[in-house]
């Protein structure tokens, strides 16, 4: 009976097979690197956004009391963030202007050191002055 042994020239991989395998490996590693880079960029952007929102929260918490904040504009800086607060009376069309409370529209705009902007619009109730 004959034995089926391979000749030495038939053993192993050819140069073309090796190059194809290395090309597939390089493409796979490039795709994985792109995913990792995108993940890092989105994580950094999320961190910046959280810092901006946290700064806006600090500014709102530090505003004068509801009966002390007059209509007009306030500006300032906090931790290298520039901010502006605009306060004005708010009278919705569906509500009567009578009663013990008056609504005040508060618009906060925060500019980060990187140049992105966070805007917060809210309504505060304040006691009407006694007549």
N, C-alpha and C. Protein backbone atom coordinates (compact mmCIF):
# COMPACT_ATOMS: atom_id res chain seq x y z
N UNK A 1 0.82 -1.16 0.00
CA UNK A 1 0.00 0.00 0.00
C UNK A 1 0.88 1.24 0.00
N UNK A 2 0.43 2.24 -0.75
CA UNK A 2 1.17 3.48 -0.85
C UNK A 2 0.81 4.42 0.30
N UNK A 3 1.81 5.12 0.78
CA UNK A 3 1.51 6.14 1.80
C UNK A 3 1.34 7.47 1.11
N UNK A 4 0.44 8.27 1.64
CA UNK A 4 0.14 9.57 1.05
C UNK A 4 0.87 10.67 1.80
N UNK A 5 2.08 10.77 1.54
CA UNK A 5 2.87 11.83 2.17
C UNK A 5 2.93 13.02 1.23
N UNK A 6 2.90 14.22 1.82
CA UNK A 6 3.00 15.42 1.01
C UNK A 6 4.46 15.68 0.70
N UNK A 7 4.64 16.22 -0.44
CA UNK A 7 5.98 16.62 -0.79
C UNK A 7 6.35 17.89 -0.04
N UNK A 8 7.62 18.15 0.17
CA UNK A 8 8.02 19.36 0.90
C UNK A 8 7.51 20.63 0.24
N UNK A 9 7.33 20.67 -1.03
CA UNK A 9 6.85 21.88 -1.71
C UNK A 9 5.37 22.11 -1.48
N UNK A 10 4.63 21.12 -1.00
CA UNK A 10 3.20 21.27 -0.76
C UNK A 10 2.87 21.58 0.71
N UNK A 11 3.81 21.53 1.59
CA UNK A 11 3.58 21.77 3.02
C UNK A 11 3.58 23.27 3.31
N UNK A 12 2.77 23.73 4.31
CA UNK A 12 2.76 25.13 4.75
C UNK A 12 1.90 26.03 3.88
N UNK A 13 2.03 27.33 4.14
CA UNK A 13 1.25 28.34 3.43
C UNK A 13 2.08 28.95 2.32
N UNK A 14 1.40 29.39 1.32
CA UNK A 14 2.12 30.09 0.26
C UNK A 14 2.25 31.56 0.65
N UNK A 15 3.08 32.27 -0.05
CA UNK A 15 3.29 33.68 0.23
C UNK A 15 2.01 34.48 0.00
N UNK A 16 1.25 34.14 -1.00
CA UNK A 16 -0.01 34.85 -1.30
C UNK A 16 -1.01 34.61 -0.17
N UNK A 17 -1.13 33.40 0.31
CA UNK A 17 -2.06 33.12 1.41
C UNK A 17 -1.67 33.91 2.66
N UNK A 18 -0.40 34.01 2.92
CA UNK A 18 0.08 34.77 4.08
C UNK A 18 -0.24 36.26 3.91
N UNK A 19 -0.03 36.80 2.73
CA UNK A 19 -0.33 38.22 2.48
C UNK A 19 -1.83 38.51 2.60
N UNK A 20 -2.66 37.60 2.12
CA UNK A 20 -4.11 37.77 2.25
C UNK A 20 -4.51 37.75 3.73
N UNK A 21 -3.96 36.85 4.50
CA UNK A 21 -4.26 36.78 5.93
C UNK A 21 -3.82 38.05 6.65
N UNK A 22 -2.63 38.56 6.32
CA UNK A 22 -2.15 39.79 6.94
C UNK A 22 -3.01 41.00 6.55
N UNK A 23 -3.48 41.03 5.31
CA UNK A 23 -4.35 42.12 4.87
C UNK A 23 -5.67 42.10 5.62
N UNK A 24 -6.25 40.94 5.78
CA UNK A 24 -7.51 40.81 6.54
C UNK A 24 -7.30 41.23 7.98
N UNK A 25 -6.17 40.83 8.57
CA UNK A 25 -5.85 41.20 9.94
C UNK A 25 -5.68 42.72 10.06
N UNK A 26 -5.01 43.35 9.10
CA UNK A 26 -4.80 44.80 9.14
C UNK A 26 -6.14 45.55 9.03
N UNK A 27 -7.01 45.10 8.16
CA UNK A 27 -8.32 45.74 8.02
C UNK A 27 -9.13 45.59 9.31
N UNK A 28 -9.08 44.42 9.90
CA UNK A 28 -9.82 44.19 11.17
C UNK A 28 -9.28 45.08 12.28
N UNK A 29 -7.96 45.18 12.40
CA UNK A 29 -7.37 46.01 13.45
C UNK A 29 -7.67 47.50 13.20
N UNK A 30 -7.69 47.91 11.94
CA UNK A 30 -8.05 49.30 11.63
C UNK A 30 -9.47 49.62 12.03
N UNK A 31 -10.39 48.69 11.78
CA UNK A 31 -11.79 48.90 12.16
C UNK A 31 -11.94 48.97 13.68
N UNK A 32 -11.25 48.10 14.38
CA UNK A 32 -11.30 48.11 15.85
C UNK A 32 -10.72 49.42 16.39
N UNK A 33 -9.63 49.90 15.79
CA UNK A 33 -9.03 51.17 16.21
C UNK A 33 -9.97 52.34 15.98
N UNK A 34 -10.66 52.33 14.87
CA UNK A 34 -11.63 53.40 14.57
C UNK A 34 -12.77 53.40 15.59
N UNK A 35 -13.26 52.23 15.96
CA UNK A 35 -14.31 52.14 16.98
C UNK A 35 -13.82 52.65 18.33
N UNK A 36 -12.60 52.28 18.71
CA UNK A 36 -12.05 52.73 19.98
C UNK A 36 -11.87 54.25 19.99
N UNK A 37 -11.38 54.80 18.88
CA UNK A 37 -11.21 56.26 18.79
C UNK A 37 -12.53 56.99 18.86
N UNK A 38 -13.54 56.48 18.19
CA UNK A 38 -14.87 57.10 18.25
C UNK A 38 -15.44 57.05 19.65
N UNK A 39 -15.20 55.95 20.34
CA UNK A 39 -15.68 55.82 21.71
C UNK A 39 -14.98 56.83 22.63
N UNK A 40 -13.69 57.02 22.45
CA UNK A 40 -12.96 58.00 23.26
C UNK A 40 -13.45 59.42 22.98
N UNK A 41 -13.67 59.74 21.71
CA UNK A 41 -14.15 61.09 21.37
C UNK A 41 -15.54 61.35 21.95
N UNK A 42 -16.42 60.37 21.85
CA UNK A 42 -17.77 60.57 22.38
C UNK A 42 -17.75 60.64 23.91
N UNK A 43 -16.87 59.90 24.54
CA UNK A 43 -16.74 59.98 25.99
C UNK A 43 -16.23 61.34 26.44
N UNK A 44 -15.28 61.89 25.71
CA UNK A 44 -14.77 63.23 26.04
C UNK A 44 -15.84 64.29 25.83
N UNK A 45 -16.62 64.17 24.75
CA UNK A 45 -17.70 65.13 24.49
C UNK A 45 -18.75 65.04 25.58
N UNK A 46 -19.07 63.84 26.03
CA UNK A 46 -20.04 63.67 27.11
C UNK A 46 -19.53 64.30 28.40
N UNK A 47 -18.25 64.13 28.68
CA UNK A 47 -17.67 64.74 29.88
C UNK A 47 -17.74 66.26 29.84
N UNK A 48 -17.47 66.86 28.68
CA UNK A 48 -17.57 68.31 28.54
C UNK A 48 -19.02 68.77 28.73
N UNK A 49 -19.97 68.03 28.16
CA UNK A 49 -21.38 68.41 28.29
C UNK A 49 -21.83 68.33 29.75
N UNK A 50 -21.41 67.31 30.46
CA UNK A 50 -21.77 67.19 31.88
C UNK A 50 -21.20 68.36 32.66
N UNK A 51 -19.97 68.77 32.36
CA UNK A 51 -19.37 69.91 33.05
C UNK A 51 -20.14 71.20 32.75
N UNK A 52 -20.60 71.36 31.51
CA UNK A 52 -21.37 72.55 31.14
C UNK A 52 -22.71 72.57 31.88
N UNK A 53 -23.39 71.44 31.92
CA UNK A 53 -24.68 71.38 32.61
C UNK A 53 -24.50 71.59 34.11
N UNK A 54 -23.44 71.04 34.67
CA UNK A 54 -23.17 71.23 36.10
C UNK A 54 -22.89 72.69 36.41
N UNK A 55 -22.17 73.37 35.53
CA UNK A 55 -21.92 74.80 35.73
C UNK A 55 -23.22 75.58 35.64
N UNK A 56 -24.09 75.24 34.68
CA UNK A 56 -25.39 75.91 34.57
C UNK A 56 -26.21 75.69 35.84
N UNK A 57 -26.16 74.49 36.40
CA UNK A 57 -26.89 74.21 37.64
C UNK A 57 -26.36 75.07 38.79
N UNK A 58 -25.04 75.23 38.86
CA UNK A 58 -24.45 76.06 39.92
C UNK A 58 -24.88 77.51 39.77
N UNK A 59 -24.95 77.99 38.54
CA UNK A 59 -25.35 79.38 38.30
C UNK A 59 -26.80 79.59 38.72
N UNK A 60 -27.68 78.68 38.34
CA UNK A 60 -29.10 78.79 38.71
C UNK A 60 -29.24 78.73 40.23
N UNK A 61 -28.48 77.86 40.88
CA UNK A 61 -28.56 77.76 42.34
C UNK A 61 -28.07 79.03 43.03
N UNK A 62 -27.15 79.74 42.38
CA UNK A 62 -26.60 80.96 42.97
C UNK A 62 -27.35 82.24 42.62
N UNK A 63 -28.43 82.13 41.86
CA UNK A 63 -29.21 83.32 41.51
C UNK A 63 -29.86 83.91 42.75
N UNK A 64 -30.12 85.20 42.72
CA UNK A 64 -30.84 85.80 43.86
C UNK A 64 -32.19 85.12 44.06
N UNK A 65 -32.75 85.27 45.24
CA UNK A 65 -34.03 84.68 45.57
C UNK A 65 -35.12 85.13 44.61
N UNK A 66 -36.20 84.39 44.59
CA UNK A 66 -37.27 84.65 43.62
C UNK A 66 -37.84 86.05 43.73
N UNK A 67 -37.88 86.64 44.91
CA UNK A 67 -38.42 87.99 45.05
C UNK A 67 -37.34 89.06 44.93
N UNK A 68 -36.08 88.66 44.81
CA UNK A 68 -34.97 89.60 44.72
C UNK A 68 -34.44 89.75 43.29
N UNK A 69 -34.78 88.83 42.41
CA UNK A 69 -34.27 88.88 41.03
C UNK A 69 -35.16 89.81 40.21
N UNK A 70 -34.65 90.98 39.91
CA UNK A 70 -35.42 91.97 39.15
C UNK A 70 -35.33 91.66 37.66
N UNK A 71 -36.26 92.19 36.92
CA UNK A 71 -36.22 92.02 35.46
C UNK A 71 -34.97 92.72 34.92
N UNK A 72 -34.37 92.12 33.92
CA UNK A 72 -33.15 92.67 33.34
C UNK A 72 -32.15 91.56 33.10
N UNK A 73 -30.90 91.95 32.96
CA UNK A 73 -29.84 90.98 32.65
C UNK A 73 -28.76 90.98 33.73
N UNK A 74 -28.25 89.79 33.99
CA UNK A 74 -27.09 89.61 34.86
C UNK A 74 -26.05 88.87 34.05
N UNK A 75 -24.79 89.22 34.21
CA UNK A 75 -23.71 88.50 33.53
C UNK A 75 -22.61 88.21 34.53
N UNK A 76 -21.78 87.25 34.17
CA UNK A 76 -20.67 86.92 35.04
C UNK A 76 -19.85 85.78 34.48
N UNK A 77 -18.91 85.31 35.30
CA UNK A 77 -18.05 84.19 34.92
C UNK A 77 -17.93 83.26 36.12
N UNK A 78 -17.91 81.98 35.83
CA UNK A 78 -17.75 80.96 36.86
C UNK A 78 -16.89 79.85 36.28
N UNK A 79 -15.72 79.63 36.87
CA UNK A 79 -14.82 78.56 36.43
C UNK A 79 -14.53 78.63 34.93
N UNK A 80 -14.20 79.82 34.43
CA UNK A 80 -13.89 80.07 33.01
C UNK A 80 -15.10 79.93 32.09
N UNK A 81 -16.29 79.81 32.62
CA UNK A 81 -17.52 79.77 31.83
C UNK A 81 -18.16 81.15 31.92
N UNK A 82 -18.46 81.75 30.78
CA UNK A 82 -19.15 83.03 30.74
C UNK A 82 -20.66 82.76 30.76
N UNK A 83 -21.41 83.53 31.52
CA UNK A 83 -22.84 83.29 31.59
C UNK A 83 -23.62 84.60 31.55
N UNK A 84 -24.87 84.48 31.14
CA UNK A 84 -25.80 85.61 31.11
C UNK A 84 -27.18 85.09 31.49
N UNK A 85 -27.85 85.83 32.37
CA UNK A 85 -29.21 85.51 32.79
C UNK A 85 -30.10 86.69 32.41
N UNK A 86 -31.15 86.42 31.66
CA UNK A 86 -32.15 87.44 31.32
C UNK A 86 -33.44 87.08 32.04
N UNK A 87 -33.96 88.03 32.81
CA UNK A 87 -35.22 87.83 33.54
C UNK A 87 -36.22 88.85 33.04
N UNK A 88 -37.43 88.39 32.78
CA UNK A 88 -38.49 89.30 32.34
C UNK A 88 -39.83 88.72 32.77
N UNK A 89 -40.84 89.57 32.88
CA UNK A 89 -42.17 89.07 33.25
C UNK A 89 -42.68 88.11 32.18
N UNK A 90 -43.39 87.11 32.63
CA UNK A 90 -43.97 86.11 31.71
C UNK A 90 -45.48 86.10 31.93
N UNK A 91 -46.20 86.45 30.88
CA UNK A 91 -47.66 86.45 30.96
C UNK A 91 -48.18 85.57 29.83
N UNK A 92 -48.52 84.32 30.12
CA UNK A 92 -49.05 83.46 29.07
C UNK A 92 -50.45 83.91 28.65
N UNK A 93 -50.80 83.65 27.42
CA UNK A 93 -52.09 84.07 26.88
C UNK A 93 -53.26 83.36 27.55
N UNK A 94 -53.02 82.17 28.09
CA UNK A 94 -54.11 81.37 28.65
C UNK A 94 -54.38 81.66 30.13
N UNK A 95 -53.55 82.49 30.77
CA UNK A 95 -53.71 82.72 32.21
C UNK A 95 -54.03 84.18 32.48
N UNK A 96 -54.79 84.39 33.51
CA UNK A 96 -55.11 85.75 33.93
C UNK A 96 -53.93 86.33 34.69
N UNK A 97 -53.77 87.62 34.60
CA UNK A 97 -52.64 88.28 35.25
C UNK A 97 -52.93 88.62 36.70
N UNK A 98 -54.05 88.15 37.25
CA UNK A 98 -54.37 88.45 38.63
C UNK A 98 -53.93 87.32 39.53
N UNK A 99 -54.01 87.54 40.82
CA UNK A 99 -53.61 86.54 41.78
C UNK A 99 -52.37 86.97 42.53
N UNK A 100 -51.99 86.21 43.56
CA UNK A 100 -50.85 86.63 44.39
C UNK A 100 -49.49 86.35 43.75
N UNK A 101 -49.45 85.57 42.67
CA UNK A 101 -48.19 85.18 42.06
C UNK A 101 -48.04 85.76 40.67
N UNK A 102 -46.83 86.14 40.33
CA UNK A 102 -46.49 86.61 38.98
C UNK A 102 -45.39 85.70 38.44
N UNK A 103 -45.53 85.32 37.20
CA UNK A 103 -44.51 84.45 36.58
C UNK A 103 -43.39 85.30 36.01
N UNK A 104 -42.18 84.78 36.14
CA UNK A 104 -41.00 85.46 35.61
C UNK A 104 -40.23 84.47 34.75
N UNK A 105 -39.98 84.83 33.49
CA UNK A 105 -39.21 83.98 32.58
C UNK A 105 -37.72 84.22 32.84
N UNK A 106 -37.00 83.12 33.01
CA UNK A 106 -35.55 83.19 33.25
C UNK A 106 -34.87 82.46 32.09
N UNK A 107 -33.98 83.15 31.40
CA UNK A 107 -33.22 82.54 30.30
C UNK A 107 -31.75 82.60 30.66
N UNK A 108 -31.13 81.42 30.79
CA UNK A 108 -29.71 81.32 31.14
C UNK A 108 -28.95 80.82 29.92
N UNK A 109 -27.84 81.48 29.63
CA UNK A 109 -26.98 81.09 28.52
C UNK A 109 -25.56 80.98 29.06
N UNK A 110 -24.95 79.80 28.91
CA UNK A 110 -23.61 79.54 29.42
C UNK A 110 -22.69 79.24 28.24
N UNK A 111 -21.58 79.96 28.15
CA UNK A 111 -20.58 79.76 27.11
C UNK A 111 -19.36 79.10 27.74
N UNK A 112 -19.01 77.90 27.26
CA UNK A 112 -17.88 77.17 27.82
C UNK A 112 -16.57 77.71 27.27
N UNK A 113 -15.43 77.39 27.89
CA UNK A 113 -14.14 77.83 27.35
C UNK A 113 -13.86 77.28 25.95
N UNK A 114 -14.44 76.13 25.61
CA UNK A 114 -14.25 75.55 24.29
C UNK A 114 -15.15 76.18 23.24
N UNK A 115 -16.12 76.98 23.66
CA UNK A 115 -16.99 77.68 22.73
C UNK A 115 -18.39 77.10 22.58
N UNK A 116 -18.69 75.98 23.23
CA UNK A 116 -20.05 75.44 23.14
C UNK A 116 -20.97 76.19 24.09
N UNK A 117 -22.26 76.15 23.77
CA UNK A 117 -23.25 76.93 24.51
C UNK A 117 -24.32 76.02 25.08
N UNK A 118 -24.69 76.28 26.33
CA UNK A 118 -25.82 75.60 26.97
C UNK A 118 -26.84 76.67 27.30
N UNK A 119 -28.09 76.44 26.91
CA UNK A 119 -29.15 77.38 27.21
C UNK A 119 -30.23 76.69 28.05
N UNK A 120 -30.66 77.38 29.09
CA UNK A 120 -31.71 76.86 29.97
C UNK A 120 -32.77 77.94 30.09
N UNK A 121 -34.01 77.58 29.77
CA UNK A 121 -35.14 78.49 29.92
C UNK A 121 -36.07 77.91 30.98
N UNK A 122 -36.46 78.73 31.93
CA UNK A 122 -37.33 78.26 32.99
C UNK A 122 -38.26 79.39 33.42
N UNK A 123 -39.21 79.06 34.26
CA UNK A 123 -40.17 80.02 34.79
C UNK A 123 -40.07 79.99 36.31
N UNK A 124 -40.05 81.16 36.92
CA UNK A 124 -40.08 81.28 38.37
C UNK A 124 -41.34 82.01 38.77
N UNK A 125 -41.91 81.62 39.87
CA UNK A 125 -43.05 82.36 40.43
C UNK A 125 -42.53 83.27 41.53
N UNK A 126 -43.03 84.48 41.53
CA UNK A 126 -42.66 85.41 42.59
C UNK A 126 -43.92 86.10 43.10
N UNK A 127 -43.90 86.46 44.35
CA UNK A 127 -45.06 87.14 44.96
C UNK A 127 -45.22 88.51 44.36
N UNK A 128 -46.47 88.84 44.05
CA UNK A 128 -46.76 90.19 43.58
C UNK A 128 -46.64 91.16 44.77
N UNK A 129 -46.17 92.37 44.49
CA UNK A 129 -46.11 93.35 45.59
C UNK A 129 -47.53 93.67 46.08
N UNK A 130 -47.65 93.84 47.36
CA UNK A 130 -48.95 94.18 47.97
C UNK A 130 -49.29 95.63 47.63
N UNK A 131 -50.54 95.86 47.24
CA UNK A 131 -50.98 97.22 46.91
C UNK A 131 -51.68 97.85 48.05
